């Protein structure tokens, strides 16, 4: 487990054969207490972590990849409930992988955010 992900309460689980990232809601994750709404950084961390989980799921690597860049599109306010993410590998090269991630809460058809993560892979020694 990635220490930062563990600290935020992000974990991976397999549901019906799909690898999902899950952010378990806790009060410190609130960014705007007036709404209340999840802090955007926690949603970005869920996107990044889920992309890394996906890479571990598909690639032959045991080293945590380095994030090259992360782009997040915030579509809706994140409610104070558990949040889920699914990653789709869009490109997997020898050194770089590109992963697209969608994030939702109660209704998977109404995502609260999407993101693209480019990761630097350290290949296994041959």
Foldseek 3Di string as FASTA:
>chain_A
DPVVCVVQQWDWDADPNFIKIKGAFDVVQFPPPVVGFGDPVSVQVSQVVQVQVVCVVPDPDDDRWAWPDKDKDFAATHDRGMKMKGKDWPDDDPFKTKIKMFMPGPDSVRTRMIMIIITTDDDDDD
